[in-house]
PDB file of N, CA and C in Angstrom:
ATOM      1  N   GLN A   1     108.371  96.760  91.894  1.00  0.00           N
ATOM      2  CA  GLN A   1     108.322  97.440  93.195  1.00  0.00           C
ATOM      3  C   GLN A   1     106.922  97.999  93.438  1.00  0.00           C
ATOM      4  N   VAL A   2     106.429  97.768  94.637  1.00  0.00           N
ATOM      5  CA  VAL A   2     105.114  98.258  95.025  1.00  0.00           C
ATOM      6  C   VAL A   2     105.260  99.055  96.316  1.00  0.00           C
ATOM      7  N   GLN A   3     104.630 100.202  96.357  1.00  0.00           N
ATOM      8  CA  GLN A   3     104.639 101.014  97.565  1.00  0.00           C
ATOM      9  C   GLN A   3     103.219 101.101  98.121  1.00  0.00           C
ATOM     10  N   LEU A   4     103.125 100.898  99.408  1.00  0.00           N
ATOM     11  CA  LEU A   4     101.846 100.971 100.101  1.00  0.00           C
ATOM     12  C   LEU A   4     101.994 101.923 101.273  1.00  0.00           C
ATOM     13  N   VAL A   5     101.128 102.912 101.327  1.00  0.00           N
ATOM     14  CA  VAL A   5     101.204 103.908 102.389  1.00  0.00           C
ATOM     15  C   VAL A   5      99.861 103.954 103.107  1.00  0.00           C
ATOM     16  N   GLU A   6      99.905 103.612 104.399  1.00  0.00           N
ATOM     17  CA  GLU A   6      98.680 103.630 105.199  1.00  0.00           C
ATOM     18  C   GLU A   6      98.576 104.928 105.982  1.00  0.00           C
ATOM     19  N   SER A   7      97.349 105.271 106.322  1.00  0.00           N
ATOM     20  CA  SER A   7      97.115 106.442 107.156  1.00  0.00           C
ATOM     21  C   SER A   7      95.809 106.250 107.911  1.00  0.00           C
ATOM     22  N   GLY A   8      95.628 107.066 108.942  1.00  0.00           N
ATOM     23  CA  GLY A   8      94.349 107.069 109.638  1.00  0.00           C
ATOM     24  C   GLY A   8      94.328 106.413 110.999  1.00  0.00           C
ATOM     25  N   GLY A   9      95.414 105.826 111.417  1.00  0.00           N
ATOM     26  CA  GLY A   9      95.425 105.211 112.732  1.00  0.00           C
ATOM     27  C   GLY A   9      95.434 106.256 113.831  1.00  0.00           C
ATOM     28  N   GLY A  10      95.318 105.786 115.076  1.00  0.00           N
ATOM     29  CA  GLY A  10      95.364 106.699 116.194  1.00  0.00           C
ATOM     30  C   GLY A  10      94.772 106.094 117.445  1.00  0.00           C
ATOM     31  N   LEU A  11      94.525 106.966 118.404  1.00  0.00           N
ATOM     32  CA  LEU A  11      93.940 106.559 119.692  1.00  0.00           C
ATOM     33  C   LEU A  11      92.454 106.887 119.687  1.00  0.00           C
ATOM     34  N   VAL A  12      91.646 105.918 120.072  1.00  0.00           N
ATOM     35  CA  VAL A  12      90.205 106.125 120.094  1.00  0.00           C
ATOM     36  C   VAL A  12      89.639 105.426 121.326  1.00  0.00           C
ATOM     37  N   GLN A  13      88.572 105.959 121.845  1.00  0.00           N
ATOM     38  CA  GLN A  13      87.930 105.359 123.007  1.00  0.00           C
ATOM     39  C   GLN A  13      87.086 104.152 122.591  1.00  0.00           C
ATOM     40  N   PRO A  14      86.876 103.226 123.489  1.00  0.00           N
ATOM     41  CA  PRO A  14      85.990 102.096 123.171  1.00  0.00           C
ATOM     42  C   PRO A  14      84.635 102.594 122.698  1.00  0.00           C
ATOM     43  N   GLY A  15      84.141 101.949 121.656  1.00  0.00           N
ATOM     44  CA  GLY A  15      82.883 102.363 121.048  1.00  0.00           C
ATOM     45  C   GLY A  15      83.049 103.367 119.931  1.00  0.00           C
ATOM     46  N   GLY A  16      84.238 103.896 119.778  1.00  0.00           N
ATOM     47  CA  GLY A  16      84.484 104.892 118.751  1.00  0.00           C
ATOM     48  C   GLY A  16      84.746 104.289 117.388  1.00  0.00           C
ATOM     49  N   SER A  17      85.059 105.170 116.444  1.00  0.00           N
ATOM     50  CA  SER A  17      85.279 104.751 115.054  1.00  0.00           C
ATOM     51  C   SER A  17      86.578 105.333 114.526  1.00  0.00           C
ATOM     52  N   LEU A  18      87.135 104.644 113.564  1.00  0.00           N
ATOM     53  CA  LEU A  18      88.314 105.119 112.843  1.00  0.00           C
ATOM     54  C   LEU A  18      88.210 104.649 111.403  1.00  0.00           C
ATOM     55  N   ARG A  19      88.829 105.412 110.528  1.00  0.00           N
ATOM     56  CA  ARG A  19      88.893 105.023 109.125  1.00  0.00           C
ATOM     57  C   ARG A  19      90.346 104.979 108.709  1.00  0.00           C
ATOM     58  N   LEU A  20      90.766 103.824 108.240  1.00  0.00           N
ATOM     59  CA  LEU A  20      92.118 103.665 107.728  1.00  0.00           C
ATOM     60  C   LEU A  20      92.088 103.728 106.206  1.00  0.00           C
ATOM     61  N   SER A  21      93.158 104.281 105.649  1.00  0.00           N
ATOM     62  CA  SER A  21      93.280 104.338 104.198  1.00  0.00           C
ATOM     63  C   SER A  21      94.647 103.823 103.778  1.00  0.00           C
ATOM     64  N   CYS A  22      94.711 103.303 102.578  1.00  0.00           N
ATOM     65  CA  CYS A  22      95.963 102.778 102.028  1.00  0.00           C
ATOM     66  C   CYS A  22      96.022 103.125 100.555  1.00  0.00           C
ATOM     67  N   ALA A  23      97.122 103.725 100.161  1.00  0.00           N
ATOM     68  CA  ALA A  23      97.336 104.062  98.761  1.00  0.00           C
ATOM     69  C   ALA A  23      98.459 103.194  98.213  1.00  0.00           C
ATOM     70  N   ALA A  24      98.181 102.522  97.110  1.00  0.00           N
ATOM     71  CA  ALA A  24      99.170 101.650  96.486  1.00  0.00           C
ATOM     72  C   ALA A  24      99.679 102.273  95.193  1.00  0.00           C
ATOM     73  N   SER A  25     100.958 102.130  94.957  1.00  0.00           N
ATOM     74  CA  SER A  25     101.547 102.617  93.718  1.00  0.00           C
ATOM     75  C   SER A  25     102.653 101.672  93.299  1.00  0.00           C
ATOM     76  N   GLY A  26     103.051 101.805  92.038  1.00  0.00           N
ATOM     77  CA  GLY A  26     104.115 100.949  91.530  1.00  0.00           C
ATOM     78  C   GLY A  26     103.581  99.892  90.601  1.00  0.00           C
ATOM     79  N   ARG A  27     104.250  98.772  90.575  1.00  0.00           N
ATOM     80  CA  ARG A  27     103.956  97.718  89.609  1.00  0.00           C
ATOM     81  C   ARG A  27     102.847  96.796  90.116  1.00  0.00           C
ATOM     82  N   ILE A  28     101.649  97.316  90.105  1.00  0.00           N
ATOM     83  CA  ILE A  28     100.512  96.501  90.485  1.00  0.00           C
ATOM     84  C   ILE A  28      99.465  96.582  89.382  1.00  0.00           C
ATOM     85  N   SER A  29      98.622  95.600  89.394  1.00  0.00           N
ATOM     86  CA  SER A  29      97.539  95.566  88.422  1.00  0.00           C
ATOM     87  C   SER A  29      96.241  95.942  89.110  1.00  0.00           C
ATOM     88  N   SER A  30      95.378  96.560  88.381  1.00  0.00           N
ATOM     89  CA  SER A  30      94.089  96.941  88.950  1.00  0.00           C
ATOM     90  C   SER A  30      93.249  95.726  89.313  1.00  0.00           C
ATOM     91  N   ILE A  31      93.659  94.539  88.866  1.00  0.00           N
ATOM     92  CA  ILE A  31      92.867  93.363  89.195  1.00  0.00           C
ATOM     93  C   ILE A  31      93.304  92.725  90.504  1.00  0.00           C
ATOM     94  N   ASN A  32      94.374  93.216  91.056  1.00  0.00           N
ATOM     95  CA  ASN A  32      94.828  92.642  92.323  1.00  0.00           C
ATOM     96  C   ASN A  32      93.804  92.849  93.422  1.00  0.00           C
ATOM     97  N   THR A  33      93.694  91.855  94.274  1.00  0.00           N
ATOM     98  CA  THR A  33      92.904  91.998  95.490  1.00  0.00           C
ATOM     99  C   THR A  33      93.722  92.770  96.518  1.00  0.00           C
ATOM    100  N   MET A  34      93.061  93.664  97.224  1.00  0.00           N
ATOM    101  CA  MET A  34      93.723  94.439  98.264  1.00  0.00           C
ATOM    102  C   MET A  34      93.042  94.165  99.604  1.00  0.00           C
ATOM    103  N   GLY A  35      93.788  94.332 100.664  1.00  0.00           N
ATOM    104  CA  GLY A  35      93.164  94.050 101.945  1.00  0.00           C
ATOM    105  C   GLY A  35      93.970  94.511 103.134  1.00  0.00           C
ATOM    106  N   TRP A  36      93.478  94.121 104.307  1.00  0.00           N
ATOM    107  CA  TRP A  36      94.062  94.530 105.572  1.00  0.00           C
ATOM    108  C   TRP A  36      94.311  93.331 106.474  1.00  0.00           C
ATOM    109  N   PHE A  37      95.420  93.393 107.176  1.00  0.00           N
ATOM    110  CA  PHE A  37      95.742  92.472 108.245  1.00  0.00           C
ATOM    111  C   PHE A  37      96.057  93.314 109.478  1.00  0.00           C
ATOM    112  N   ARG A  38      96.137  92.647 110.612  1.00  0.00           N
ATOM    113  CA  ARG A  38      96.542  93.359 111.823  1.00  0.00           C
ATOM    114  C   ARG A  38      97.379  92.450 112.716  1.00  0.00           C
ATOM    115  N   GLN A  39      98.188  93.082 113.544  1.00  0.00           N
ATOM    116  CA  GLN A  39      99.024  92.327 114.464  1.00  0.00           C
ATOM    117  C   GLN A  39      99.030  93.014 115.817  1.00  0.00           C
ATOM    118  N   ALA A  40      98.497  92.310 116.795  1.00  0.00           N
ATOM    119  CA  ALA A  40      98.487  92.816 118.161  1.00  0.00           C
ATOM    120  C   ALA A  40      99.770  92.392 118.868  1.00  0.00           C
ATOM    121  N   PRO A  41     100.156  93.106 119.913  1.00  0.00           N
ATOM    122  CA  PRO A  41     101.392  92.764 120.634  1.00  0.00           C
ATOM    123  C   PRO A  41     101.380  91.317 121.104  1.00  0.00           C
ATOM    124  N   GLY A  42     102.449  90.600 120.785  1.00  0.00           N
ATOM    125  CA  GLY A  42     102.580  89.220 121.223  1.00  0.00           C
ATOM    126  C   GLY A  42     101.761  88.215 120.448  1.00  0.00           C
ATOM    127  N   LYS A  43     101.098  88.668 119.376  1.00  0.00           N
ATOM    128  CA  LYS A  43     100.255  87.764 118.596  1.00  0.00           C
ATOM    129  C   LYS A  43     100.705  87.742 117.142  1.00  0.00           C
ATOM    130  N   GLN A  44     100.238  86.712 116.428  1.00  0.00           N
ATOM    131  CA  GLN A  44     100.558  86.617 115.015  1.00  0.00           C
ATOM    132  C   GLN A  44      99.697  87.569 114.204  1.00  0.00           C
ATOM    133  N   ARG A  45     100.206  87.932 113.040  1.00  0.00           N
ATOM    134  CA  ARG A  45      99.427  88.767 112.141  1.00  0.00           C
ATOM    135  C   ARG A  45      98.186  87.986 111.696  1.00  0.00           C
ATOM    136  N   GLU A  46      97.051  88.677 111.683  1.00  0.00           N
ATOM    137  CA  GLU A  46      95.810  88.017 111.311  1.00  0.00           C
ATOM    138  C   GLU A  46      95.062  88.787 110.233  1.00  0.00           C
ATOM    139  N   PHE A  47      94.300  88.044 109.469  1.00  0.00           N
ATOM    140  CA  PHE A  47      93.493  88.606 108.389  1.00  0.00           C
ATOM    141  C   PHE A  47      92.365  89.450 108.968  1.00  0.00           C
ATOM    142  N   VAL A  48      92.127  90.588 108.335  1.00  0.00           N
ATOM    143  CA  VAL A  48      91.016  91.447 108.734  1.00  0.00           C
ATOM    144  C   VAL A  48      89.940  91.469 107.646  1.00  0.00           C
ATOM    145  N   ALA A  49      90.313  91.895 106.453  1.00  0.00           N
ATOM    146  CA  ALA A  49      89.336  92.020 105.375  1.00  0.00           C
ATOM    147  C   ALA A  49      90.055  92.137 104.047  1.00  0.00           C
ATOM    148  N   LEU A  50      89.331  91.799 102.977  1.00  0.00           N
ATOM    149  CA  LEU A  50      89.847  91.998 101.625  1.00  0.00           C
ATOM    150  C   LEU A  50      88.731  92.478 100.717  1.00  0.00           C
ATOM    151  N   ARG A  51      89.173  93.064  99.608  1.00  0.00           N
ATOM    152  CA  ARG A  51      88.227  93.540  98.613  1.00  0.00           C
ATOM    153  C   ARG A  51      88.814  93.267  97.238  1.00  0.00           C
ATOM    154  N   THR A  52      88.071  92.542  96.413  1.00  0.00           N
ATOM    155  CA  THR A  52      88.540  92.276  95.058  1.00  0.00           C
ATOM    156  C   THR A  52      88.233  93.466  94.165  1.00  0.00           C
ATOM    157  N   SER A  53      88.848  93.489  93.011  1.00  0.00           N
ATOM    158  CA  SER A  53      88.575  94.579  92.079  1.00  0.00           C
ATOM    159  C   SER A  53      87.150  94.506  91.570  1.00  0.00           C
ATOM    160  N   GLY A  54      86.550  93.329  91.648  1.00  0.00           N
ATOM    161  CA  GLY A  54      85.172  93.168  91.207  1.00  0.00           C
ATOM    162  C   GLY A  54      84.148  93.516  92.259  1.00  0.00           C
ATOM    163  N   GLY A  55      84.610  93.935  93.439  1.00  0.00           N
ATOM    164  CA  GLY A  55      83.683  94.393  94.464  1.00  0.00           C
ATOM    165  C   GLY A  55      83.282  93.354  95.488  1.00  0.00           C
ATOM    166  N   ILE A  56      83.947  92.213  95.488  1.00  0.00           N
ATOM    167  CA  ILE A  56      83.632  91.198  96.489  1.00  0.00           C
ATOM    168  C   ILE A  56      84.461  91.444  97.741  1.00  0.00           C
ATOM    169  N   SER A  57      83.795  91.430  98.883  1.00  0.00           N
ATOM    170  CA  SER A  57      84.474  91.643 100.160  1.00  0.00           C
ATOM    171  C   SER A  57      84.426  90.377 101.001  1.00  0.00           C
ATOM    172  N   ASN A  58      85.438  90.238 101.801  1.00  0.00           N
ATOM    173  CA  ASN A  58      85.480  89.130 102.740  1.00  0.00           C
ATOM    174  C   ASN A  58      86.082  89.633 104.040  1.00  0.00           C
ATOM    175  N   TYR A  59      85.542  89.140 105.149  1.00  0.00           N
ATOM    176  CA  TYR A  59      85.964  89.632 106.456  1.00  0.00           C
ATOM    177  C   TYR A  59      86.290  88.474 107.399  1.00  0.00           C
ATOM    178  N   GLN A  60      87.128  88.774 108.345  1.00  0.00           N
ATOM    179  CA  GLN A  60      87.273  87.858 109.473  1.00  0.00           C
ATOM    180  C   GLN A  60      85.905  87.783 110.147  1.00  0.00           C
ATOM    181  N   ASP A  61      85.462  86.566 110.425  1.00  0.00           N
ATOM    182  CA  ASP A  61      84.112  86.378 110.944  1.00  0.00           C
ATOM    183  C   ASP A  61      83.816  87.247 112.163  1.00  0.00           C
ATOM    184  N   ALA A  62      84.772  87.367 113.050  1.00  0.00           N
ATOM    185  CA  ALA A  62      84.533  88.093 114.293  1.00  0.00           C
ATOM    186  C   ALA A  62      84.375  89.595 114.090  1.00  0.00           C
ATOM    187  N   LEU A  63      84.749  90.068 112.895  1.00  0.00           N
ATOM    188  CA  LEU A  63      84.705  91.510 112.654  1.00  0.00           C
ATOM    189  C   LEU A  63      83.526  91.931 111.787  1.00  0.00           C
ATOM    190  N   LYS A  64      82.808  90.962 111.267  1.00  0.00           N
ATOM    191  CA  LYS A  64      81.663  91.292 110.410  1.00  0.00           C
ATOM    192  C   LYS A  64      80.649  92.139 111.169  1.00  0.00           C
ATOM    193  N   GLY A  65      80.165  93.149 110.487  1.00  0.00           N
ATOM    194  CA  GLY A  65      79.197  94.042 111.101  1.00  0.00           C
ATOM    195  C   GLY A  65      79.810  95.272 111.737  1.00  0.00           C
ATOM    196  N   ARG A  66      81.089  95.204 112.059  1.00  0.00           N
ATOM    197  CA  ARG A  66      81.745  96.370 112.655  1.00  0.00           C
ATOM    198  C   ARG A  66      82.745  97.013 111.690  1.00  0.00           C
ATOM    199  N   PHE A  67      83.352  96.219 110.838  1.00  0.00           N
ATOM    200  CA  PHE A  67      84.348  96.732 109.900  1.00  0.00           C
ATOM    201  C   PHE A  67      83.783  96.679 108.479  1.00  0.00           C
ATOM    202  N   THR A  68      84.105  97.699 107.707  1.00  0.00           N
ATOM    203  CA  THR A  68      83.686  97.735 106.304  1.00  0.00           C
ATOM    204  C   THR A  68      84.861  98.133 105.444  1.00  0.00           C
ATOM    205  N   ILE A  69      85.137  97.328 104.448  1.00  0.00           N
ATOM    206  CA  ILE A  69      86.229  97.627 103.530  1.00  0.00           C
ATOM    207  C   ILE A  69      85.668  98.204 102.243  1.00  0.00           C
ATOM    208  N   SER A  70      86.372  99.180 101.703  1.00  0.00           N
ATOM    209  CA  SER A  70      85.968  99.767 100.432  1.00  0.00           C
ATOM    210  C   SER A  70      87.220 100.001  99.592  1.00  0.00           C
ATOM    211  N   ARG A  71      86.963 100.282  98.326  1.00  0.00           N
ATOM    212  CA  ARG A  71      88.104 100.372  97.420  1.00  0.00           C
ATOM    213  C   ARG A  71      87.785 101.308  96.259  1.00  0.00           C
ATOM    214  N   ASP A  72      88.804 102.013  95.823  1.00  0.00           N
ATOM    215  CA  ASP A  72      88.719 102.823  94.620  1.00  0.00           C
ATOM    216  C   ASP A  72      89.713 102.237  93.630  1.00  0.00           C
ATOM    217  N   ASN A  73      89.216 101.493  92.668  1.00  0.00           N
ATOM    218  CA  ASN A  73      90.103 100.815  91.722  1.00  0.00           C
ATOM    219  C   ASN A  73      90.919 101.799  90.887  1.00  0.00           C
ATOM    220  N   GLY A  74      90.308 102.890  90.524  1.00  0.00           N
ATOM    221  CA  GLY A  74      91.000 103.862  89.688  1.00  0.00           C
ATOM    222  C   GLY A  74      92.181 104.511  90.386  1.00  0.00           C
ATOM    223  N   LYS A  75      92.070 104.651  91.711  1.00  0.00           N
ATOM    224  CA  LYS A  75      93.134 105.287  92.480  1.00  0.00           C
ATOM    225  C   LYS A  75      94.012 104.279  93.215  1.00  0.00           C
ATOM    226  N   ASN A  76      93.689 102.999  93.089  1.00  0.00           N
ATOM    227  CA  ASN A  76      94.429 101.954  93.813  1.00  0.00           C
ATOM    228  C   ASN A  76      94.485 102.244  95.309  1.00  0.00           C
ATOM    229  N   THR A  77      93.355 102.597  95.849  1.00  0.00           N
ATOM    230  CA  THR A  77      93.280 102.816  97.288  1.00  0.00           C
ATOM    231  C   THR A  77      92.270 101.855  97.904  1.00  0.00           C
ATOM    232  N   VAL A  78      92.522 101.523  99.139  1.00  0.00           N
ATOM    233  CA  VAL A  78      91.598 100.680  99.889  1.00  0.00           C
ATOM    234  C   VAL A  78      91.442 101.290 101.269  1.00  0.00           C
ATOM    235  N   SER A  79      90.230 101.278 101.779  1.00  0.00           N
ATOM    236  CA  SER A  79      89.956 101.877 103.079  1.00  0.00           C
ATOM    237  C   SER A  79      89.281 100.863 103.988  1.00  0.00           C
ATOM    238  N   LEU A  80      89.397 101.104 105.265  1.00  0.00           N
ATOM    239  CA  LEU A  80      88.775 100.235 106.252  1.00  0.00           C
ATOM    240  C   LEU A  80      88.066 101.123 107.273  1.00  0.00           C
ATOM    241  N   GLN A  81      86.751 101.082 107.264  1.00  0.00           N
ATOM    242  CA  GLN A  81      85.965 101.817 108.242  1.00  0.00           C
ATOM    243  C   GLN A  81      85.709 100.895 109.422  1.00  0.00           C
ATOM    244  N   MET A  82      86.135 101.327 110.597  1.00  0.00           N
ATOM    245  CA  MET A  82      86.008 100.506 111.795  1.00  0.00           C
ATOM    246  C   MET A  82      85.090 101.218 112.781  1.00  0.00           C
ATOM    247  N   THR A  83      84.069 100.530 113.234  1.00  0.00           N
ATOM    248  CA  THR A  83      83.119 101.114 114.173  1.00  0.00           C
ATOM    249  C   THR A  83      83.013 100.232 115.416  1.00  0.00           C
ATOM    250  N   SER A  84      82.390 100.788 116.435  1.00  0.00           N
ATOM    251  CA  SER A  84      82.207 100.061 117.700  1.00  0.00           C
ATOM    252  C   SER A  84      83.505  99.408 118.149  1.00  0.00           C
ATOM    253  N   LEU A  85      84.551 100.171 118.112  1.00  0.00           N
ATOM    254  CA  LEU A  85      85.874  99.624 118.402  1.00  0.00           C
ATOM    255  C   LEU A  85      85.993  99.155 119.843  1.00  0.00           C
ATOM    256  N   LYS A  86      86.754  98.082 120.019  1.00  0.00           N
ATOM    257  CA  LYS A  86      86.960  97.465 121.314  1.00  0.00           C
ATOM    258  C   LYS A  86      88.456  97.467 121.643  1.00  0.00           C
ATOM    259  N   PRO A  87      88.792  97.391 122.911  1.00  0.00           N
ATOM    260  CA  PRO A  87      90.225  97.347 123.264  1.00  0.00           C
ATOM    261  C   PRO A  87      90.968  96.213 122.553  1.00  0.00           C
ATOM    262  N   GLU A  88      90.302  95.121 122.290  1.00  0.00           N
ATOM    263  CA  GLU A  88      90.966  94.002 121.613  1.00  0.00           C
ATOM    264  C   GLU A  88      91.223  94.277 120.135  1.00  0.00           C
ATOM    265  N   ASP A  89      90.719  95.373 119.610  1.00  0.00           N
ATOM    266  CA  ASP A  89      91.043  95.771 118.235  1.00  0.00           C
ATOM    267  C   ASP A  89      92.385  96.503 118.176  1.00  0.00           C
ATOM    268  N   THR A  90      92.964  96.773 119.313  1.00  0.00           N
ATOM    269  CA  THR A  90      94.264  97.430 119.345  1.00  0.00           C
ATOM    270  C   THR A  90      95.309  96.583 118.647  1.00  0.00           C
ATOM    271  N   ALA A  91      95.971  97.182 117.672  1.00  0.00           N
ATOM    272  CA  ALA A  91      96.946  96.451 116.864  1.00  0.00           C
ATOM    273  C   ALA A  91      97.581  97.406 115.873  1.00  0.00           C
ATOM    274  N   VAL A  92      98.613  96.924 115.226  1.00  0.00           N
ATOM    275  CA  VAL A  92      99.135  97.603 114.054  1.00  0.00           C
ATOM    276  C   VAL A  92      98.423  97.017 112.841  1.00  0.00           C
ATOM    277  N   TYR A  93      97.856  97.886 112.035  1.00  0.00           N
ATOM    278  CA  TYR A  93      97.085  97.457 110.871  1.00  0.00           C
ATOM    279  C   TYR A  93      97.938  97.658 109.618  1.00  0.00           C
ATOM    280  N   TYR A  94      97.980  96.600 108.808  1.00  0.00           N
ATOM    281  CA  TYR A  94      98.802  96.599 107.613  1.00  0.00           C
ATOM    282  C   TYR A  94      97.941  96.416 106.376  1.00  0.00           C
ATOM    283  N   CYS A  95      98.285  97.155 105.360  1.00  0.00           N
ATOM    284  CA  CYS A  95      97.655  97.038 104.050  1.00  0.00           C
ATOM    285  C   CYS A  95      98.526  96.144 103.172  1.00  0.00           C
ATOM    286  N   THR A  96      97.894  95.375 102.310  1.00  0.00           N
ATOM    287  CA  THR A  96      98.646  94.545 101.384  1.00  0.00           C
ATOM    288  C   THR A  96      97.924  94.424 100.056  1.00  0.00           C
ATOM    289  N   VAL A  97      98.675  94.163  99.020  1.00  0.00           N
ATOM    290  CA  VAL A  97      98.140  93.802  97.716  1.00  0.00           C
ATOM    291  C   VAL A  97      98.435  92.322  97.531  1.00  0.00           C
ATOM    292  N   PHE A  98      97.397  91.532  97.497  1.00  0.00           N
ATOM    293  CA  PHE A  98      97.569  90.089  97.411  1.00  0.00           C
ATOM    294  C   PHE A  98      98.305  89.715  96.132  1.00  0.00           C
ATOM    295  N   GLY A  99      99.178  88.758  96.271  1.00  0.00           N
ATOM    296  CA  GLY A  99      99.911  88.274  95.116  1.00  0.00           C
ATOM    297  C   GLY A  99     101.207  88.999  94.828  1.00  0.00           C
ATOM    298  N   THR A 100     101.501  90.040  95.599  1.00  0.00           N
ATOM    299  CA  THR A 100     102.742  90.786  95.375  1.00  0.00           C
ATOM    300  C   THR A 100     103.766  90.549  96.478  1.00  0.00           C
ATOM    301  N   GLY A 101     103.303  90.188  97.656  1.00  0.00           N
ATOM    302  CA  GLY A 101     104.201  90.034  98.788  1.00  0.00           C
ATOM    303  C   GLY A 101     104.589  91.339  99.448  1.00  0.00           C
ATOM    304  N   TYR A 102     103.979  92.420  99.001  1.00  0.00           N
ATOM    305  CA  TYR A 102     104.308  93.719  99.571  1.00  0.00           C
ATOM    306  C   TYR A 102     103.306  94.107 100.656  1.00  0.00           C
ATOM    307  N   TRP A 103     103.850  94.804 101.667  1.00  0.00           N
ATOM    308  CA  TRP A 103     103.053  95.279 102.783  1.00  0.00           C
ATOM    309  C   TRP A 103     103.360  96.742 103.040  1.00  0.00           C
ATOM    310  N   GLY A 104     102.404  97.442 103.596  1.00  0.00           N
ATOM    311  CA  GLY A 104     102.663  98.790 104.044  1.00  0.00           C
ATOM    312  C   GLY A 104     103.456  98.778 105.341  1.00  0.00           C
ATOM    313  N   GLN A 105     103.797  99.960 105.813  1.00  0.00           N
ATOM    314  CA  GLN A 105     104.596 100.067 107.019  1.00  0.00           C
ATOM    315  C   GLN A 105     103.773  99.856 108.277  1.00  0.00           C
ATOM    316  N   GLY A 106     102.469  99.879 108.141  1.00  0.00           N
ATOM    317  CA  GLY A 106     101.589  99.675 109.279  1.00  0.00           C
ATOM    318  C   GLY A 106     101.173 100.984 109.923  1.00  0.00           C
ATOM    319  N   THR A 107      99.973 100.986 110.473  1.00  0.00           N
ATOM    320  CA  THR A 107      99.475 102.140 111.204  1.00  0.00           C
ATOM    321  C   THR A 107      98.882 101.640 112.526  1.00  0.00           C
ATOM    322  N   GLN A 108      99.252 102.315 113.595  1.00  0.00           N
ATOM    323  CA  GLN A 108      98.849 101.875 114.926  1.00  0.00           C
ATOM    324  C   GLN A 108      97.432 102.320 115.233  1.00  0.00           C
ATOM    325  N   VAL A 109      96.632 101.378 115.700  1.00  0.00           N
ATOM    326  CA  VAL A 109      95.294 101.666 116.211  1.00  0.00           C
ATOM    327  C   VAL A 109      95.267 101.250 117.676  1.00  0.00           C
ATOM    328  N   THR A 110      94.946 102.199 118.526  1.00  0.00           N
ATOM    329  CA  THR A 110      94.869 101.921 119.958  1.00  0.00           C
ATOM    330  C   THR A 110      93.477 102.288 120.449  1.00  0.00           C
ATOM    331  N   VAL A 111      92.822 101.330 121.062  1.00  0.00           N
ATOM    332  CA  VAL A 111      91.482 101.546 121.590  1.00  0.00           C
ATOM    333  C   VAL A 111      91.567 101.480 123.114  1.00  0.00           C
ATOM    334  N   SER A 112      91.404 102.630 123.717  1.00  0.00           N
ATOM    335  CA  SER A 112      91.587 102.701 125.162  1.00  0.00           C
ATOM    336  C   SER A 112      90.869 103.916 125.721  1.00  0.00           C
ATOM    337  N   SER A 113      90.396 103.792 126.937  1.00  0.00           N
ATOM    338  CA  SER A 113      89.767 104.922 127.610  1.00  0.00           C
ATOM    339  C   SER A 113      90.799 105.678 128.452  1.00  0.00           C
TER     340      SER A 113
END
């Protein structure tokens, strides 16, 4: 069993920033890759970013330069710093630990004036 708890979502104006955090607990290994996906209304869930335990990051091409993923291996947490937010970034953001099939409950990010 793996538990993932996200936090940090909310309403932000275009151009603003938000930081999402995810804490993982349970039967996971520190070597697991952790990451973020998002799902906008009426759309499929899409990859946002991942971070390996070795410090390698990967991003959806369209988000490079605006989103930064970080991780604390000792605490099994992963964060997503989002800047220059756009209305099209509005979505529910989900944290996952790759290879486990577990997802967090999601946190809503709304970018609107």
